[in-house]
Amino acid sequence: MTIDPAQAQAAAFVADLRRRMLRAADPAKAPQMQAYMKTDQPFYGIQAGPRRRLFGQALKEHPLTTRQAWEMAIRQLWAADRREAMYQALELAERFPIYLDETSWPLLTDLVQTATHWDTLDWIAAKLVGPVVRANRGLERDLIAWRSTPSLWVRRASLLAHLHHGHDTNLPLLETTILALAGDPDFFIRKAIGWVLRELARTKPDWVRQFVAQHAGQLSPLSRREALKHLTA
């Protein structure tokens, strides 16, 4: 039986990383981390610094040399039962920017649609989806579709995908997205509107001031406050 090289690479990396995580697990910290994130998903109890070191050690021991192996490993980690494995799936996605392109869009879409909380969704939207959309504007059609989906986190992604676009921000699209979601009563949507405007104010402060003033009646107090947080008169 022939073993697929990409599958073998991904399996070896994920298995080694899992062994390292199990050895480093802290049963005392795990429930505290789970409680902080308000999730039913269990944790190993490994904080960010040690987790990243374990990730780097496993990747050095078991390099992933193809796009296929990279994607397989991401999907395996994302499907794991512990929260830290999901974080490592996103660390792996971010580690290989050469693969973050239009070809990876189905993978990124799956991650967005299966994210269950802000900690993973914000990472996916801002650090993974955002750069791919910025380089492939045809994908903005999906951002438009995302803003009207039932999923809170997918709607949030339609906003946060613009977060780091700066001078390259598609202002008409961002404006219509914000106005489409301005009436959403959910805290995470209102916070995201304010956050993306606050970040945009670093490069386009006059546009943000004018937008907030023009649509003050549509934006929630939270969104307005966040948007203008670092702007002076």
Protein backbone atom coordinates (compact mmCIF):
# COMPACT_ATOMS: atom_id res chain seq x y z
CA MET A 1 0.00 0.00 0.00
CA THR A 2 1.42 3.38 -1.04
CA ILE A 3 1.44 6.04 1.67
CA ASP A 4 0.68 9.56 0.50
CA PRO A 5 3.75 11.69 1.40
CA ALA A 6 1.69 14.75 2.35
CA GLN A 7 -0.58 12.71 4.57
CA ALA A 8 2.43 11.08 6.23
CA GLN A 9 4.07 14.45 6.89
CA ALA A 10 0.91 15.93 8.37
CA ALA A 11 0.23 12.89 10.55
CA ALA A 12 3.81 12.79 11.90
CA PHE A 13 3.78 16.50 12.74
CA VAL A 14 0.38 16.45 14.43
CA ALA A 15 1.17 13.28 16.40
CA ASP A 16 4.48 14.69 17.65
CA LEU A 17 2.88 18.00 18.58
CA ARG A 18 0.12 16.20 20.46
CA ARG A 19 2.68 14.18 22.45
CA ARG A 20 4.53 17.34 23.40
CA MET A 21 1.30 19.03 24.44
CA LEU A 22 0.22 16.11 26.57
CA ARG A 23 3.57 16.12 28.39
CA ALA A 24 3.35 19.87 29.00
CA ALA A 25 -0.33 19.89 30.03
CA ASP A 26 -1.16 21.60 33.33
CA PRO A 27 -4.35 20.19 34.91
CA ALA A 28 -4.48 23.12 37.33
CA LYS A 29 -4.46 25.81 34.63
CA ALA A 30 -6.71 24.01 32.16
CA PRO A 31 -10.05 24.67 33.90
CA GLN A 32 -9.09 28.29 34.57
CA MET A 33 -8.36 28.86 30.87
CA GLN A 34 -11.60 27.12 29.92
CA ALA A 35 -13.59 29.26 32.34
CA TYR A 36 -11.99 32.46 31.05
CA MET A 37 -13.02 31.63 27.48
CA LYS A 38 -16.52 30.60 28.63
CA THR A 39 -16.43 27.45 26.51
CA ASP A 40 -17.28 23.80 26.96
CA GLN A 41 -14.14 22.85 25.05
CA PRO A 42 -11.33 21.53 27.29
CA PHE A 43 -7.82 22.97 27.40
CA TYR A 44 -4.41 21.40 27.93
CA GLY A 45 -3.58 24.27 30.26
CA ILE A 46 -0.60 25.54 28.23
CA GLN A 47 -0.12 29.28 27.88
CA ALA A 48 0.85 31.03 24.66
CA GLY A 49 4.63 31.21 25.07
CA PRO A 50 5.22 27.54 25.91
CA ARG A 51 2.61 26.51 23.34
CA ARG A 52 4.47 28.33 20.56
CA ARG A 53 7.78 26.78 21.61
CA LEU A 54 6.29 23.29 21.44
CA PHE A 55 4.85 24.13 18.04
CA GLY A 56 8.24 25.27 16.74
CA GLN A 57 9.98 22.18 18.07
CA ALA A 58 7.49 19.83 16.42
CA LEU A 59 7.66 21.68 13.10
CA LYS A 60 11.46 21.59 13.13
CA GLU A 61 11.37 17.85 13.80
CA HIS A 62 8.68 17.18 11.19
CA PRO A 63 8.79 19.82 8.40
CA LEU A 64 5.77 20.29 6.17
CA THR A 65 7.11 20.70 2.65
CA THR A 66 3.96 20.96 0.54
CA ARG A 67 0.72 22.92 0.52
CA GLN A 68 -1.21 19.68 0.83
CA ALA A 69 0.64 18.62 3.98
CA TRP A 70 0.19 22.11 5.44
CA GLU A 71 -3.57 22.05 4.85
CA MET A 72 -3.98 18.51 6.13
CA ALA A 73 -2.17 19.38 9.34
CA ILE A 74 -4.26 22.53 9.82
CA ARG A 75 -7.49 20.60 9.40
CA GLN A 76 -6.39 17.86 11.80
CA LEU A 77 -5.39 20.36 14.49
CA TRP A 78 -8.57 22.38 13.98
CA ALA A 79 -10.69 19.26 14.49
CA ALA A 80 -8.88 18.25 17.70
CA ASP A 81 -10.69 18.29 21.02
CA ARG A 82 -8.43 20.73 22.92
CA ARG A 83 -8.56 24.47 22.40
CA GLU A 84 -4.81 24.94 22.15
CA ALA A 85 -4.72 22.61 19.14
CA MET A 86 -7.06 25.01 17.33
CA TYR A 87 -4.69 27.87 18.16
CA GLN A 88 -1.84 25.83 16.70
CA ALA A 89 -3.85 25.23 13.54
CA LEU A 90 -3.97 29.00 13.10
CA GLU A 91 -0.30 29.39 14.00
CA LEU A 92 0.49 26.87 11.29
CA ALA A 93 -1.68 28.70 8.76
CA GLU A 94 0.09 31.96 9.58
CA ARG A 95 3.56 30.38 9.52
CA PHE A 96 3.37 29.71 5.75
CA PRO A 97 2.25 32.98 4.11
CA ILE A 98 3.31 31.55 0.74
CA TYR A 99 0.20 29.35 0.89
CA LEU A 100 -2.18 32.12 1.94
CA ASP A 101 -3.63 32.90 -1.46
CA GLU A 102 -6.76 32.33 -3.50
CA THR A 103 -6.10 28.58 -3.55
CA SER A 104 -6.39 28.47 0.24
CA TRP A 105 -9.74 30.28 0.24
CA PRO A 106 -11.88 27.12 0.70
CA LEU A 107 -9.80 26.25 3.77
CA LEU A 108 -10.10 29.76 5.20
CA THR A 109 -13.83 29.78 4.53
CA ASP A 110 -14.21 26.51 6.43
CA LEU A 111 -12.27 27.97 9.37
CA VAL A 112 -14.47 31.07 9.45
CA GLN A 113 -17.67 29.06 9.26
CA THR A 114 -16.66 26.66 12.05
CA ALA A 115 -15.12 29.17 14.47
CA THR A 116 -17.07 29.19 17.70
CA HIS A 117 -15.75 32.20 19.60
CA TRP A 118 -13.95 35.52 19.20
CA ASP A 119 -10.51 34.17 20.11
CA THR A 120 -10.24 32.04 16.98
CA LEU A 121 -12.54 34.01 14.67
CA ASP A 122 -10.69 37.30 15.13
CA TRP A 123 -7.36 35.61 14.34
CA ILE A 124 -8.77 34.00 11.21
CA ALA A 125 -10.52 37.11 9.94
CA ALA A 126 -7.82 39.70 10.59
CA LYS A 127 -4.60 37.73 10.09
CA LEU A 128 -5.53 35.10 7.52
CA VAL A 129 -8.63 36.15 5.58
CA GLY A 130 -7.76 39.85 5.50
CA PRO A 131 -4.42 39.56 3.65
CA VAL A 132 -5.86 37.10 1.13
CA VAL A 133 -8.80 39.39 0.34
CA ARG A 134 -6.48 42.36 0.10
CA ALA A 135 -4.49 40.58 -2.62
CA ASN A 136 -7.52 39.01 -4.34
CA ARG A 137 -10.34 41.54 -4.47
CA GLY A 138 -12.67 39.17 -6.27
CA LEU A 139 -13.09 37.38 -2.94
CA GLU A 140 -14.89 40.40 -1.54
CA ARG A 141 -18.05 38.87 -2.97
CA ASP A 142 -17.88 36.35 -0.14
CA LEU A 143 -17.49 39.09 2.47
CA ILE A 144 -20.70 40.58 1.13
CA ALA A 145 -22.46 37.23 1.54
CA TRP A 146 -21.04 36.72 5.03
CA ARG A 147 -22.61 39.86 6.45
CA SER A 148 -26.12 38.44 6.03
CA THR A 149 -25.54 34.93 7.39
CA PRO A 150 -27.20 33.67 10.60
CA SER A 151 -23.80 32.99 12.21
CA LEU A 152 -22.66 35.78 14.51
CA TRP A 153 -19.01 34.91 13.94
CA VAL A 154 -19.27 34.87 10.15
CA ARG A 155 -20.94 38.28 10.26
CA ARG A 156 -18.14 39.53 12.50
CA ALA A 157 -15.61 38.20 9.98
CA SER A 158 -17.19 40.31 7.23
CA LEU A 159 -16.09 43.34 9.25
CA LEU A 160 -12.76 42.25 10.68
CA ALA A 161 -11.43 41.09 7.31
CA HIS A 162 -10.91 44.83 6.65
CA LEU A 163 -9.09 45.47 9.92
CA HIS A 164 -5.52 45.84 8.66
CA HIS A 165 -6.14 47.10 5.13
CA GLY A 166 -5.21 50.69 6.00
CA HIS A 167 -4.77 52.84 2.92
CA ASP A 168 -5.96 49.91 0.78
CA THR A 169 -9.34 49.66 2.51
CA ASN A 170 -12.27 49.28 0.14
CA LEU A 171 -14.19 52.15 1.70
CA PRO A 172 -17.48 51.68 -0.20
CA LEU A 173 -17.58 48.00 0.78
CA LEU A 174 -16.68 48.69 4.40
CA GLU A 175 -19.29 51.45 4.57
CA THR A 176 -22.10 49.27 3.22
CA THR A 177 -21.07 46.40 5.50
CA ILE A 178 -21.07 48.58 8.60
CA LEU A 179 -24.45 50.09 7.74
CA ALA A 180 -25.88 46.64 6.99
CA LEU A 181 -24.82 45.47 10.45
CA ALA A 182 -25.21 48.70 12.44
CA GLY A 183 -28.61 47.64 13.74
CA ASP A 184 -27.37 44.25 14.94
CA PRO A 185 -27.95 44.15 18.70
CA ASP A 186 -25.09 41.75 19.42
CA PHE A 187 -22.18 43.15 21.43
CA PHE A 188 -19.56 41.40 19.28
CA ILE A 189 -20.87 43.00 16.08
CA ARG A 190 -21.11 46.46 17.59
CA LYS A 191 -17.63 46.10 19.06
CA ALA A 192 -16.24 44.93 15.70
CA ILE A 193 -17.73 47.95 13.93
CA GLY A 194 -16.03 50.28 16.38
CA TRP A 195 -12.77 48.34 16.24
CA VAL A 196 -12.46 48.38 12.46
CA LEU A 197 -13.26 52.10 12.38
CA ARG A 198 -10.77 52.81 15.16
CA GLU A 199 -8.06 50.97 13.25
CA LEU A 200 -8.97 52.75 10.01
CA ALA A 201 -8.64 56.08 11.82
CA ARG A 202 -4.88 55.49 11.95
CA THR A 203 -4.68 56.11 8.19
CA LYS A 204 -7.97 57.84 7.35
CA PRO A 205 -8.97 59.87 10.42
CA ASP A 206 -11.02 62.44 8.50
CA TRP A 207 -13.03 59.74 6.75
CA VAL A 208 -13.82 58.05 10.08
CA ARG A 209 -14.87 61.33 11.72
CA GLN A 210 -17.14 62.18 8.82
CA PHE A 211 -18.60 58.68 8.64
CA VAL A 212 -19.41 58.58 12.36
CA ALA A 213 -20.91 62.06 12.27
CA GLN A 214 -23.02 61.26 9.21
CA HIS A 215 -24.34 57.97 10.60
CA ALA A 216 -24.41 58.77 14.33
CA GLY A 217 -28.08 57.83 14.53
CA GLN A 218 -27.46 54.39 13.02
CA LEU A 219 -24.35 53.44 14.95
CA SER A 220 -24.63 52.18 18.51
CA PRO A 221 -23.01 54.22 21.31
CA LEU A 222 -20.45 51.41 21.70
CA SER A 223 -19.51 51.54 18.01
CA ARG A 224 -19.22 55.33 18.04
CA ARG A 225 -17.17 55.36 21.22
CA GLU A 226 -14.75 52.74 19.96
CA ALA A 227 -14.44 54.38 16.54
CA LEU A 228 -13.45 57.77 17.96
CA LYS A 229 -11.42 56.47 20.89
CA HIS A 230 -8.05 57.78 19.72
CA LEU A 231 -9.18 60.70 17.60
CA THR A 232 -8.91 64.27 18.80
CA ALA A 233 -11.17 67.06 17.67
